[in-house]
């Protein structure tokens, strides 16, 4: 994420920089922020089979 901020315009504030993040590859998958500043993440439903997490669908 640090590289993302370095690449952005230095004249914008932190909040605006965060709101501009799109498809950041984070721990929970690719995330973005909507116009209200809410995190947008893909929903993943998983199940456990033989002590392993597997995609449900």
Protein backbone atom coordinates (compact mmCIF):
# COMPACT_ATOMS: atom_id res chain seq x y z
CA UNK A 1 0.00 0.00 0.00
CA UNK A 2 2.95 2.30 0.64
CA UNK A 3 3.91 2.12 -3.04
CA UNK A 4 0.36 3.09 -3.95
CA UNK A 5 0.61 6.30 -1.92
CA UNK A 6 4.08 7.12 -3.25
CA UNK A 7 2.78 6.84 -6.81
CA UNK A 8 -0.11 9.23 -6.14
CA UNK A 9 -0.15 12.98 -6.44
CA UNK A 10 1.53 14.58 -3.40
CA UNK A 11 -1.08 17.36 -3.28
CA UNK A 12 -4.01 15.20 -2.18
CA UNK A 13 -4.79 14.42 1.44
CA UNK A 14 -4.67 10.96 2.99
CA UNK A 15 -8.45 10.46 2.99
CA UNK A 16 -8.72 11.21 -0.72
CA UNK A 17 -5.75 8.94 -1.44
CA UNK A 18 -7.41 6.07 0.42
CA UNK A 19 -10.73 6.63 -1.37
CA UNK A 20 -8.93 6.35 -4.72
CA UNK A 21 -7.58 2.87 -3.99
CA UNK A 22 -8.98 0.37 -6.48
CA UNK A 23 -8.34 -3.36 -6.65
CA UNK A 24 -5.64 -3.33 -3.98
CA UNK A 25 -4.44 -6.91 -3.51
CA UNK A 26 -4.74 -7.30 0.27
CA UNK A 27 -4.93 -10.18 2.72
CA UNK A 28 -8.67 -10.68 2.15
CA UNK A 29 -8.46 -10.32 -1.63
CA UNK A 30 -8.78 -7.32 -3.92
CA UNK A 31 -10.35 -4.36 -2.19
CA UNK A 32 -11.54 -0.92 -3.20
CA UNK A 33 -13.35 1.94 -1.51
CA UNK A 34 -16.68 3.33 -2.67
CA UNK A 35 -17.63 7.02 -2.80
CA UNK A 36 -18.64 6.90 0.90
CA UNK A 37 -15.31 5.45 1.98
CA UNK A 38 -16.74 1.99 2.64
CA UNK A 39 -14.59 -1.02 1.78
CA UNK A 40 -15.72 -3.08 -1.20
CA UNK A 41 -14.58 -6.71 -0.98
CA UNK A 42 -15.67 -9.79 -2.89
CA UNK A 43 -17.73 -12.16 -0.76
CA UNK A 44 -16.27 -15.62 -0.35
CA UNK A 45 -18.27 -18.47 1.11
CA UNK A 46 -16.14 -21.40 2.18
CA UNK A 47 -16.66 -24.80 3.73
CA UNK A 48 -14.35 -27.12 5.62
CA UNK A 49 -13.70 -30.57 4.22
CA UNK A 50 -10.95 -32.85 5.50
CA UNK A 51 -9.64 -29.99 7.68
CA UNK A 52 -9.18 -27.71 4.63
CA UNK A 53 -11.04 -24.55 3.63
CA UNK A 54 -12.64 -24.93 0.21
CA UNK A 55 -14.78 -22.60 -1.89
CA UNK A 56 -18.41 -23.47 -1.27
CA UNK A 57 -19.66 -22.54 -4.73
